[in-house]
Protein backbone atom coordinates (compact mmCIF):
# COMPACT_ATOMS: atom_id res chain seq x y z
CA UNK A 1 160.50 202.69 72.94
CA UNK A 2 159.53 205.35 70.39
CA UNK A 3 156.05 205.73 71.87
CA UNK A 4 157.44 206.71 75.25
CA UNK A 5 159.92 209.13 73.72
CA UNK A 6 157.18 210.75 71.68
CA UNK A 7 155.08 210.95 74.80
CA UNK A 8 157.78 213.07 76.40
CA UNK A 9 157.90 215.34 73.35
CA UNK A 10 154.11 215.55 73.29
CA UNK A 11 154.13 216.66 76.92
CA UNK A 12 156.33 219.57 75.97
CA UNK A 13 154.07 220.44 73.06
CA UNK A 14 151.00 220.33 75.30
CA UNK A 15 152.76 222.57 77.80
CA UNK A 16 153.54 225.15 75.12
CA UNK A 17 150.03 225.04 73.68
CA UNK A 18 148.50 225.42 77.12
CA UNK A 19 150.83 228.31 77.89
CA UNK A 20 149.67 230.06 74.70
CA UNK A 21 146.02 229.47 75.56
CA UNK A 22 146.63 230.84 79.06
CA UNK A 23 148.14 234.08 77.73
CA UNK A 24 144.97 236.03 78.39
CA UNK A 25 144.79 235.00 82.04
CA UNK A 26 148.47 234.60 83.01
CA UNK A 27 150.49 237.80 82.59
CA UNK A 28 153.44 237.50 80.19
CA UNK A 29 156.94 237.68 81.60
CA UNK A 30 158.38 241.00 80.54
CA UNK A 31 160.75 243.51 81.99
CA UNK A 32 159.17 245.90 84.45
CA UNK A 33 155.96 243.93 85.00
CA UNK A 34 154.89 244.48 88.61
CA UNK A 35 154.34 240.77 89.31
CA UNK A 36 157.53 239.42 87.78
CA UNK A 37 158.77 236.73 90.25
CA UNK A 38 162.34 237.47 89.15
CA UNK A 39 161.82 241.03 90.41
CA UNK A 40 159.56 240.24 93.35
CA UNK A 41 159.63 236.67 94.71
CA UNK A 42 156.33 237.24 96.55
CA UNK A 43 154.62 237.28 93.14
CA UNK A 44 155.61 233.66 92.37
CA UNK A 45 152.50 231.91 93.64
CA UNK A 46 150.05 234.31 91.99
CA UNK A 47 151.96 234.05 88.71
CA UNK A 48 151.85 230.24 88.73
CA UNK A 49 148.10 229.95 89.38
CA UNK A 50 146.14 227.56 91.54
CA UNK A 51 145.40 224.25 89.79
CA UNK A 52 148.02 221.56 89.18
CA UNK A 53 148.22 221.67 85.38
CA UNK A 54 148.34 225.46 85.17
CA UNK A 55 151.09 225.63 87.78
CA UNK A 56 153.03 222.84 86.06
CA UNK A 57 152.91 224.55 82.65
CA UNK A 58 153.58 228.02 83.98
CA UNK A 59 156.68 226.88 85.83
CA UNK A 60 158.23 225.78 82.52
CA UNK A 61 157.11 229.09 81.05
CA UNK A 62 158.54 231.05 83.96
CA UNK A 63 162.03 229.55 83.59
CA UNK A 64 162.20 229.52 79.78
CA UNK A 65 165.32 231.38 78.69
CA UNK A 66 166.53 231.80 82.27
CA UNK A 67 169.51 230.07 83.87
CA UNK A 68 167.86 229.59 87.27
CA UNK A 69 164.58 229.80 89.12
CA UNK A 70 163.68 233.02 90.95
CA UNK A 71 165.72 233.21 94.15
CA UNK A 72 163.94 233.20 97.50
CA UNK A 73 165.52 236.02 99.54
CA UNK A 74 164.52 234.23 102.76
CA UNK A 75 166.29 230.98 101.85
CA UNK A 76 169.11 230.01 104.25
CA UNK A 77 172.70 229.84 102.94
CA UNK A 78 173.26 226.88 100.66
CA UNK A 79 176.83 226.23 101.87
CA UNK A 80 179.09 226.92 104.81
CA UNK A 81 180.65 230.35 104.52
CA UNK A 82 184.21 229.06 105.06
CA UNK A 83 183.89 226.16 102.57
CA UNK A 84 185.74 226.28 99.22
CA UNK A 85 183.63 228.25 96.70
CA UNK A 86 181.21 226.49 94.37
CA UNK A 87 183.27 225.84 91.21
CA UNK A 88 180.49 225.54 88.60
CA UNK A 89 176.87 226.39 87.89
CA UNK A 90 173.98 224.35 86.49
CA UNK A 91 173.20 225.44 83.79
CA UNK A 92 175.34 225.25 81.78
CA UNK A 93 177.50 222.56 83.42
CA UNK A 94 176.01 219.22 84.54
CA UNK A 95 177.09 219.76 88.16
CA UNK A 96 177.96 222.52 90.61
CA UNK A 97 180.40 220.64 92.90
CA UNK A 98 183.29 218.57 91.58
CA UNK A 99 181.89 215.00 91.56
CA UNK A 100 183.11 212.52 94.13
CA UNK A 101 180.13 210.24 94.80
CA UNK A 102 179.22 207.87 97.60
CA UNK A 103 177.64 210.68 99.62
CA UNK A 104 175.40 213.71 99.45
CA UNK A 105 177.87 216.59 99.05
CA UNK A 106 179.13 217.69 102.46
CA UNK A 107 178.96 221.28 103.63
CA UNK A 108 176.92 222.45 100.64
CA UNK A 109 173.49 220.73 100.76
CA UNK A 110 170.22 221.98 102.20
CA UNK A 111 167.21 219.69 102.60
CA UNK A 112 164.90 221.57 100.19
CA UNK A 113 167.04 222.57 97.23
CA UNK A 114 165.45 220.88 94.19
CA UNK A 115 164.21 223.03 91.30
CA UNK A 116 161.27 220.86 90.20
CA UNK A 117 158.16 221.68 88.11
CA UNK A 118 156.32 218.74 89.70
CA UNK A 119 157.01 219.83 93.27
CA UNK A 120 156.10 223.40 92.38
CA UNK A 121 152.85 222.26 90.76
CA UNK A 122 151.73 220.44 93.92
CA UNK A 123 153.24 222.99 96.29
CA UNK A 124 149.86 224.53 97.19
CA UNK A 125 148.18 221.16 97.87
CA UNK A 126 148.03 219.20 101.13
CA UNK A 127 150.24 216.49 99.65
CA UNK A 128 152.81 218.99 98.41
CA UNK A 129 152.88 220.83 101.71
CA UNK A 130 153.31 217.55 103.61
CA UNK A 131 156.19 216.54 101.36
CA UNK A 132 157.84 219.94 101.70
CA UNK A 133 157.41 219.91 105.48
CA UNK A 134 159.15 216.51 105.52
CA UNK A 135 161.82 217.78 103.08
CA UNK A 136 160.92 214.98 100.65
CA UNK A 137 161.22 215.70 96.95
CA UNK A 138 159.68 213.83 94.00
CA UNK A 139 161.03 214.72 90.56
CA UNK A 140 162.71 213.24 87.50
CA UNK A 141 163.16 213.51 83.76
CA UNK A 142 162.61 211.86 80.38
CA UNK A 143 165.64 211.52 78.11
CA UNK A 144 165.25 210.49 74.47
CA UNK A 145 167.89 210.52 71.76
CA UNK A 146 169.16 209.07 68.54
CA UNK A 147 172.25 208.64 66.41
CA UNK A 148 173.57 208.32 62.87
CA UNK A 149 176.54 205.99 62.43
CA UNK A 150 178.72 204.31 59.84
CA UNK A 151 177.83 201.00 61.57
CA UNK A 152 174.82 198.95 60.48
CA UNK A 153 174.66 195.82 62.66
CA UNK A 154 172.26 195.87 65.62
CA UNK A 155 174.44 196.65 68.63
CA UNK A 156 177.23 197.52 66.22
CA UNK A 157 178.13 200.87 67.79
CA UNK A 158 179.49 199.02 70.83
CA UNK A 159 181.95 199.32 72.48
CA UNK A 160 180.88 202.97 72.13
CA UNK A 161 178.10 203.92 74.58
CA UNK A 162 175.30 204.75 75.30
CA UNK A 163 174.16 204.73 71.66
CA UNK A 164 174.38 200.92 71.45
CA UNK A 165 172.22 200.46 68.34
CA UNK A 166 173.31 202.43 65.24
CA UNK A 167 170.98 204.66 63.25
CA UNK A 168 168.06 204.64 65.65
CA UNK A 169 165.90 206.76 67.95
CA UNK A 170 165.40 205.47 71.48
CA UNK A 171 164.11 206.21 74.96
CA UNK A 172 167.39 206.41 76.85
CA UNK A 173 165.94 206.75 80.31
CA UNK A 174 162.81 207.77 82.16
CA UNK A 175 163.80 208.41 85.76
CA UNK A 176 161.92 209.18 88.95
CA UNK A 177 163.69 210.39 92.09
CA UNK A 178 162.09 210.09 95.50
CA UNK A 179 164.52 211.52 98.02
CA UNK A 180 165.24 213.43 101.17
CA UNK A 181 168.58 215.24 101.30
CA UNK A 182 170.35 215.45 104.65
CA UNK A 183 171.18 219.01 105.63
CA UNK A 184 174.99 219.01 105.54
CA UNK A 185 175.43 222.77 105.97
CA UNK A 186 174.29 222.86 109.59
CA UNK A 187 176.45 221.46 112.39
CA UNK A 188 174.05 221.21 115.32
CA UNK A 189 172.02 218.03 114.80
CA UNK A 190 172.14 214.59 113.24
CA UNK A 191 170.15 214.49 110.00
CA UNK A 192 169.10 211.75 107.63
CA UNK A 193 168.12 211.17 104.03
CA UNK A 194 167.37 208.61 101.37
CA UNK A 195 167.00 208.20 97.63
CA UNK A 196 165.10 205.69 95.51
CA UNK A 197 165.69 206.18 91.79
CA UNK A 198 163.98 203.72 89.42
CA UNK A 199 164.97 203.95 85.75
CA UNK A 200 163.39 202.58 82.56
CA UNK A 201 164.80 202.67 79.04
CA UNK A 202 167.66 201.54 76.87
CA UNK A 203 170.29 202.67 79.39
CA UNK A 204 169.39 199.86 81.80
CA UNK A 205 171.84 197.84 79.71
CA UNK A 206 174.67 199.69 81.44
CA UNK A 207 173.33 199.80 85.00
CA UNK A 208 172.18 196.17 85.46
CA UNK A 209 173.48 194.35 88.54
CA UNK A 210 173.61 190.54 88.45
CA UNK A 211 170.71 189.29 90.56
CA UNK A 212 168.50 192.43 90.43
CA UNK A 213 166.06 192.36 87.49
CA UNK A 214 169.05 191.06 85.48
CA UNK A 215 167.10 188.48 83.48
CA UNK A 216 165.91 191.33 81.22
CA UNK A 217 169.48 191.76 79.95
CA UNK A 218 171.12 188.39 80.58
CA UNK A 219 168.29 186.07 79.58
CA UNK A 220 166.16 188.18 77.22
CA UNK A 221 168.50 190.87 75.85
CA UNK A 222 165.56 193.30 75.97
CA UNK A 223 166.04 196.62 74.19
CA UNK A 224 164.43 198.52 77.09
CA UNK A 225 164.47 197.49 80.71
CA UNK A 226 163.96 198.50 84.33
CA UNK A 227 166.50 198.98 87.10
CA UNK A 228 167.02 200.77 90.40
CA UNK A 229 170.66 201.94 90.25
CA UNK A 230 170.21 203.97 93.45
CA UNK A 231 168.30 202.84 96.54
CA UNK A 232 170.01 203.99 99.71
CA UNK A 233 169.66 205.70 103.06
CA UNK A 234 172.03 208.17 104.69
CA UNK A 235 172.82 209.46 108.18
CA UNK A 236 174.79 212.69 108.61
CA UNK A 237 176.66 213.23 111.88
CA UNK A 238 177.99 216.81 111.87
CA UNK A 239 179.68 216.59 115.27
CA UNK A 240 182.48 214.37 113.92
CA UNK A 241 185.18 216.79 112.71
CA UNK A 242 183.56 218.65 109.76
CA UNK A 243 180.91 215.98 109.28
CA UNK A 244 180.54 212.22 108.77
CA UNK A 245 178.07 210.75 106.29
CA UNK A 246 177.18 207.05 106.34
CA UNK A 247 175.38 205.73 103.23
CA UNK A 248 173.92 202.22 103.02
CA UNK A 249 172.26 200.51 100.06
CA UNK A 250 172.96 200.57 96.34
CA UNK A 251 174.67 203.64 94.94
CA UNK A 252 176.80 204.84 92.03
CA UNK A 253 180.45 203.88 92.45
CA UNK A 254 183.13 206.45 93.14
CA UNK A 255 184.82 208.61 91.86
CA UNK A 256 184.14 208.83 88.09
CA UNK A 257 183.72 212.06 86.13
CA UNK A 258 180.63 210.59 84.48
CA UNK A 259 177.46 208.99 85.85
CA UNK A 260 174.79 206.72 84.39
CA UNK A 261 172.04 209.28 84.80
CA UNK A 262 171.76 211.67 81.90
CA UNK A 263 171.75 215.16 83.48
CA UNK A 264 175.03 214.51 85.32
CA UNK A 265 177.17 214.27 82.17
CA UNK A 266 178.86 216.73 79.83
CA UNK A 267 177.82 214.81 76.70
CA UNK A 268 175.06 212.48 75.52
CA UNK A 269 177.43 209.59 74.83
CA UNK A 270 179.83 208.21 77.42
CA UNK A 271 183.53 207.60 77.30
CA UNK A 272 184.80 204.02 77.04
CA UNK A 273 186.69 204.81 80.23
CA UNK A 274 183.38 205.05 82.06
CA UNK A 275 181.53 202.36 80.11
CA UNK A 276 183.89 199.57 81.13
CA UNK A 277 184.57 200.27 84.79
CA UNK A 278 182.58 199.97 88.02
CA UNK A 279 179.02 201.29 87.83
CA UNK A 280 177.32 200.59 91.16
CA UNK A 281 178.20 199.14 94.54
CA UNK A 282 175.90 197.75 97.20
CA UNK A 283 176.98 198.05 100.81
CA UNK A 284 177.98 200.74 103.30
CA UNK A 285 180.07 203.84 102.49
CA UNK A 286 181.39 206.30 105.09
CA UNK A 287 182.57 209.78 104.04
CA UNK A 288 184.42 211.95 106.56
CA UNK A 289 185.15 215.64 106.04
CA UNK A 290 188.26 215.95 108.18
CA UNK A 291 188.67 219.59 107.17
CA UNK A 292 187.17 221.86 104.54
CA UNK A 293 189.92 220.62 102.18
CA UNK A 294 190.30 216.91 103.01
CA UNK A 295 187.73 214.14 102.81
CA UNK A 296 188.23 210.42 103.38
CA UNK A 297 185.99 207.57 102.22
CA UNK A 298 185.84 203.95 103.32
CA UNK A 299 183.26 201.39 102.24
CA UNK A 300 182.42 197.70 102.57
CA UNK A 301 180.42 196.25 99.67
CA UNK A 302 179.60 192.95 97.98
CA UNK A 303 181.71 193.66 94.91
CA UNK A 304 180.53 195.56 91.84
CA UNK A 305 177.15 195.15 90.09
CA UNK A 306 176.40 192.36 92.57
CA UNK A 307 173.61 191.78 95.09
CA UNK A 308 174.13 190.53 98.68
CA UNK A 309 171.81 187.58 98.05
CA UNK A 310 173.88 186.61 95.01
CA UNK A 311 177.06 185.67 96.86
CA UNK A 312 179.50 183.24 95.27
CA UNK A 313 178.39 179.66 95.84
CA UNK A 314 179.92 176.46 94.48
CA UNK A 315 179.17 172.78 94.13
CA UNK A 316 181.43 169.96 92.95
CA UNK A 317 181.70 169.72 89.18
CA UNK A 318 179.92 166.47 88.21
CA UNK A 319 182.32 166.07 85.28
CA UNK A 320 185.73 167.07 86.66
CA UNK A 321 188.26 168.30 84.14
CA UNK A 322 191.87 168.45 85.36
CA UNK A 323 192.39 171.53 83.18
CA UNK A 324 189.38 173.29 84.66
CA UNK A 325 190.21 175.05 87.96
CA UNK A 326 186.59 175.99 88.70
CA UNK A 327 183.96 173.92 90.34
CA UNK A 328 180.48 174.55 89.00
CA UNK A 329 179.43 177.94 90.32
CA UNK A 330 175.76 178.57 90.91
CA UNK A 331 176.16 182.28 91.61
CA UNK A 332 178.53 185.16 90.98
CA UNK A 333 182.00 184.53 92.48
CA UNK A 334 182.57 188.29 92.33
CA UNK A 335 179.80 188.87 94.89
CA UNK A 336 182.10 188.82 97.88
CA UNK A 337 183.08 191.21 100.70
CA UNK A 338 185.03 194.08 99.14
CA UNK A 339 186.69 197.31 100.22
CA UNK A 340 186.49 200.79 98.73
CA UNK A 341 188.84 203.49 100.00
CA UNK A 342 189.41 207.04 98.78
CA UNK A 343 190.85 210.40 99.65
CA UNK A 344 189.76 213.78 98.26
CA UNK A 345 191.56 217.12 98.39
CA UNK A 346 190.06 220.46 97.32
CA UNK A 347 191.99 223.73 97.22
CA UNK A 348 190.86 226.75 99.24
CA UNK A 349 189.87 228.47 95.99
CA UNK A 350 187.81 225.47 94.87
CA UNK A 351 189.67 225.55 91.56
CA UNK A 352 191.49 222.24 92.06
CA UNK A 353 190.15 218.89 93.19
CA UNK A 354 191.84 215.47 93.32
CA UNK A 355 190.30 212.08 94.19
CA UNK A 356 192.44 208.95 94.61
CA UNK A 357 190.39 205.76 94.99
CA UNK A 358 190.61 201.97 95.15
CA UNK A 359 187.17 200.54 94.41
CA UNK A 360 185.67 197.05 94.86
CA UNK A 361 188.89 195.46 96.11
CA UNK A 362 188.75 191.75 96.99
CA UNK A 363 190.47 188.58 95.76
CA UNK A 364 189.74 189.64 92.21
CA UNK A 365 188.18 186.35 91.11
CA UNK A 366 186.61 186.63 87.65
CA UNK A 367 182.99 187.66 88.18
CA UNK A 368 180.12 189.38 86.44
CA UNK A 369 181.86 192.73 86.85
CA UNK A 370 184.32 192.09 89.68
CA UNK A 371 186.69 194.90 88.74
CA UNK A 372 189.67 195.71 90.94
CA UNK A 373 189.80 199.46 90.22
CA UNK A 374 192.68 201.79 91.12
CA UNK A 375 192.68 205.34 89.81
CA UNK A 376 192.18 209.05 90.24
CA UNK A 377 190.18 211.99 88.96
CA UNK A 378 191.40 215.58 88.79
CA UNK A 379 189.55 218.83 88.08
CA UNK A 380 191.03 222.25 87.41
CA UNK A 381 189.15 225.50 86.85
CA UNK A 382 191.15 228.06 84.86
CA UNK A 383 188.53 230.81 85.08
CA UNK A 384 184.77 231.22 84.99
CA UNK A 385 184.64 229.89 81.41
CA UNK A 386 187.25 227.12 81.17
CA UNK A 387 187.90 223.97 83.17
CA UNK A 388 189.28 220.47 82.58
CA UNK A 389 188.36 217.07 84.01
CA UNK A 390 190.85 214.22 83.94
CA UNK A 391 190.63 210.54 84.90
CA UNK A 392 193.12 207.67 84.80
CA UNK A 393 192.83 204.10 86.09
CA UNK A 394 194.02 200.52 85.97
CA UNK A 395 191.57 197.66 86.60
CA UNK A 396 191.80 193.88 86.47
CA UNK A 397 190.18 190.53 87.23
CA UNK A 398 192.03 187.31 88.03
CA UNK A 399 191.60 183.76 86.69
CA UNK A 400 189.59 184.76 83.65
CA UNK A 401 189.11 181.76 81.35
CA UNK A 402 191.39 181.89 78.30
CA UNK A 403 189.47 182.05 75.01
CA UNK A 404 192.72 181.15 73.18
CA UNK A 405 192.95 177.77 74.94
CA UNK A 406 190.66 175.25 73.17
CA UNK A 407 190.20 173.09 76.27
CA UNK A 408 189.34 176.12 78.42
CA UNK A 409 186.90 177.49 75.85
CA UNK A 410 185.24 174.07 75.55
CA UNK A 411 184.91 173.76 79.33
CA UNK A 412 183.29 177.19 79.46
CA UNK A 413 180.86 176.27 76.67
CA UNK A 414 179.96 173.05 78.51
CA UNK A 415 178.44 175.03 81.37
CA UNK A 416 181.00 175.16 84.16
CA UNK A 417 180.51 178.80 85.22
CA UNK A 418 177.57 181.06 86.01
CA UNK A 419 178.43 182.93 82.81
CA UNK A 420 178.28 179.92 80.49
CA UNK A 421 175.67 180.17 77.71
CA UNK A 422 173.36 177.59 79.32
CA UNK A 423 172.94 179.94 82.31
CA UNK A 424 173.58 183.37 80.80
CA UNK A 425 172.66 183.26 77.08
CA UNK A 426 173.12 187.03 76.46
CA UNK A 427 175.62 189.71 77.43
CA UNK A 428 177.78 187.44 79.59
CA UNK A 429 181.24 188.65 80.60
CA UNK A 430 183.81 188.10 77.87
CA UNK A 431 186.64 185.60 78.23
CA UNK A 432 190.26 186.74 78.22
CA UNK A 433 192.41 186.50 75.11
CA UNK A 434 195.56 185.55 76.99
CA UNK A 435 198.93 186.00 75.31
CA UNK A 436 199.91 182.43 76.25
CA UNK A 437 197.51 179.96 74.63
CA UNK A 438 198.69 177.09 76.87
CA UNK A 439 197.36 178.59 80.12
CA UNK A 440 193.81 177.87 81.18
CA UNK A 441 193.21 181.34 82.59
CA UNK A 442 195.01 184.63 83.17
CA UNK A 443 194.62 188.06 84.69
CA UNK A 444 192.65 190.41 82.43
CA UNK A 445 193.64 194.06 82.68
CA UNK A 446 192.41 197.35 81.23
CA UNK A 447 193.95 200.81 81.42
CA UNK A 448 192.38 204.15 80.59
CA UNK A 449 193.11 207.86 80.42
CA UNK A 450 190.36 210.40 79.77
CA UNK A 451 190.10 214.17 79.65
CA UNK A 452 187.26 216.63 79.07
CA UNK A 453 188.03 220.23 78.14
CA UNK A 454 184.98 222.34 78.92
CA UNK A 455 184.03 225.86 77.85
CA UNK A 456 181.13 227.92 79.17
CA UNK A 457 180.04 229.76 76.04
CA UNK A 458 177.11 231.43 77.81
CA UNK A 459 174.97 231.00 80.89
CA UNK A 460 172.97 228.38 78.96
CA UNK A 461 175.66 226.82 76.74
CA UNK A 462 178.52 224.44 77.44
CA UNK A 463 180.91 223.03 74.83
CA UNK A 464 182.87 219.92 75.84
CA UNK A 465 185.74 218.24 74.01
CA UNK A 466 186.56 214.64 74.98
CA UNK A 467 189.78 212.74 74.32
CA UNK A 468 190.57 209.29 75.67
CA UNK A 469 192.81 206.24 75.37
CA UNK A 470 191.51 202.83 76.43
CA UNK A 471 193.67 199.68 76.34
CA UNK A 472 191.76 196.40 76.68
CA UNK A 473 194.93 194.38 77.23
CA UNK A 474 193.33 190.89 77.14
CA UNK A 475 190.09 191.91 75.41
CA UNK A 476 187.95 190.96 78.40
CA UNK A 477 186.13 194.30 78.74
CA UNK A 478 185.15 195.02 75.13
CA UNK A 479 185.47 191.55 73.57
CA UNK A 480 188.36 192.62 71.33
CA UNK A 481 192.02 192.56 72.29
CA UNK A 482 193.03 196.05 71.24
CA UNK A 483 193.73 199.57 72.36
CA UNK A 484 191.37 202.39 71.38
CA UNK A 485 191.55 206.13 70.89
CA UNK A 486 188.40 208.22 70.87
CA UNK A 487 187.64 211.89 70.48
CA UNK A 488 184.43 213.84 70.35
CA UNK A 489 182.89 217.24 70.79
CA UNK A 490 179.47 218.11 72.15
CA UNK A 491 177.28 221.13 72.75
CA UNK A 492 175.00 221.23 75.78
CA UNK A 493 172.32 223.89 75.35
CA UNK A 494 169.73 224.66 78.02
CA UNK A 495 166.49 226.29 76.93
CA UNK A 496 165.83 226.58 80.66
CA UNK A 497 166.95 224.70 83.78
CA UNK A 498 164.28 222.12 82.87
CA UNK A 499 164.91 221.40 79.16
CA UNK A 500 168.28 220.76 77.51
CA UNK A 501 169.64 219.29 74.28
CA UNK A 502 173.08 217.74 73.66
CA UNK A 503 174.15 217.25 70.03
CA UNK A 504 177.62 215.82 69.43
CA UNK A 505 179.91 213.92 67.07
CA UNK A 506 182.56 211.33 68.05
CA UNK A 507 185.25 209.34 66.28
CA UNK A 508 186.53 205.95 67.52
CA UNK A 509 189.54 203.95 66.34
CA UNK A 510 190.59 200.45 67.44
CA UNK A 511 194.33 200.25 66.92
CA UNK A 512 195.10 196.51 66.84
CA UNK A 513 192.00 194.74 65.50
CA UNK A 514 188.49 195.35 64.16
CA UNK A 515 186.18 196.13 67.08
CA UNK A 516 183.06 197.78 65.61
CA UNK A 517 179.98 196.68 63.64
CA UNK A 518 179.73 193.29 65.33
CA UNK A 519 177.45 191.67 67.90
CA UNK A 520 178.57 188.79 70.09
CA UNK A 521 174.94 187.98 71.04
CA UNK A 522 174.16 187.43 67.35
CA UNK A 523 177.44 185.70 66.55
CA UNK A 524 178.54 188.53 64.24
CA UNK A 525 182.25 189.32 64.32
CA UNK A 526 183.25 193.00 64.15
CA UNK A 527 184.46 194.10 60.71
CA UNK A 528 185.41 197.76 61.20
CA UNK A 529 188.23 199.47 63.04
CA UNK A 530 186.60 202.90 63.04
CA UNK A 531 183.27 204.33 64.10
CA UNK A 532 181.92 207.79 63.36
CA UNK A 533 178.79 208.55 65.38
CA UNK A 534 176.70 211.71 65.37
CA UNK A 535 174.07 211.80 68.07
CA UNK A 536 171.82 214.03 70.14
CA UNK A 537 169.32 213.83 72.96
CA UNK A 538 166.76 215.98 74.72
CA UNK A 539 166.22 215.91 78.48
CA UNK A 540 162.90 217.15 79.85
CA UNK A 541 162.94 217.53 83.64
CA UNK A 542 159.74 217.42 85.63
């Protein structure tokens, strides 16, 4: 874990050392220099050099202290001229368009729009030219971070995320994107795209889908692991109204403010609101731009964090218990045909955006993460410096075994479900702490409200304040039956579009019971009702 993080830091150090050594041969960037690519784009290639390593290092050097790469005056428009204006910029915000997910952004995406040191470094090679001609991009980042906390137990920061282990330094994620973006600006031809995004690091804990490399988390409880949270193809059909996108594969669920992958978030840590709802879906998602203001989404999936080959399957319980409504389940009962539906409205000014979504809707049978999610997100831009992001939802699962019923808890421990300890020894879904101890199972519900208040302090600095309320009504999501309040503030500073840091501090309070400084995998009960966590990370894009 630490070796990989240090490797990322060492890469930066090597880049800086090499840049210093190259000072005699590569002209310094200074105002008025005749071959400044920011003044004359035609100078870019001669400034970068010819060999891979020199070009790679000099691209970091070129962008250092700048908010964007030099603009190509011959580049085609990046969005339709009648589309709502782009609300944000990156840097300093983590996105340019208000997030809605399930599709490459419609009306605003060109096929070759990635600012990547790696692609630039190979741009003058046969491989790089072939990739560029095919509009295929290869890029990624390394994200390492750490935290200081008043918790001491391994895993004791939970249910806060993503800094699961207190007082540690970790490799959060090393990510590689291989993708082709469909051109959604044009309206004259069908286009296509794809993305494969493998991830390695501590954050796999939050992206794991049952049945896809899940033994790392559910059978080994590994600190670092591998996952592929995105592996999908897309077809864009511009002739249908303002454009229809069909995505198929595994993709990040809609429509959260936050996302698992580090650069797409305001802060290093994540809200509880995001941590305990739907992460990924696998299936088919259609997104229709009916007008420049209205978009509609409809998807068919196999539930949430579930694989198609892991569909619910049952056999007769060899030891029937009249109190036990389940037969023995070999696979995830939440892996079942499910519906996602959403509607998005954006104002003409681009200053307001609303998404109303129902995600992963099926019979709601208790599964690995079979969440029946109903909610909305809302964004409002006050001016070029201030905007807010707001999310609210209600989610539930049905027939969750009651931990407060001794017979039900004993039946679970005996191995009657795919989540029983004999099958899933680590990180299994929690039982419900039903209000009525006589019932064998009940519906487990969670409600959340979250807001981010965001301030653009400069072209390279964003300050975000987070406030949320999360009510784990039956304790099934976090393991503790309590409501929570959380608040935090973070600073996102970009040294360049390729390197950013995000220090922050957050305070958590469980209102009805102790929820922090415990670890269910180790049999350690939580003994604190508050958590104070200071943390920071560095993201190095390549």
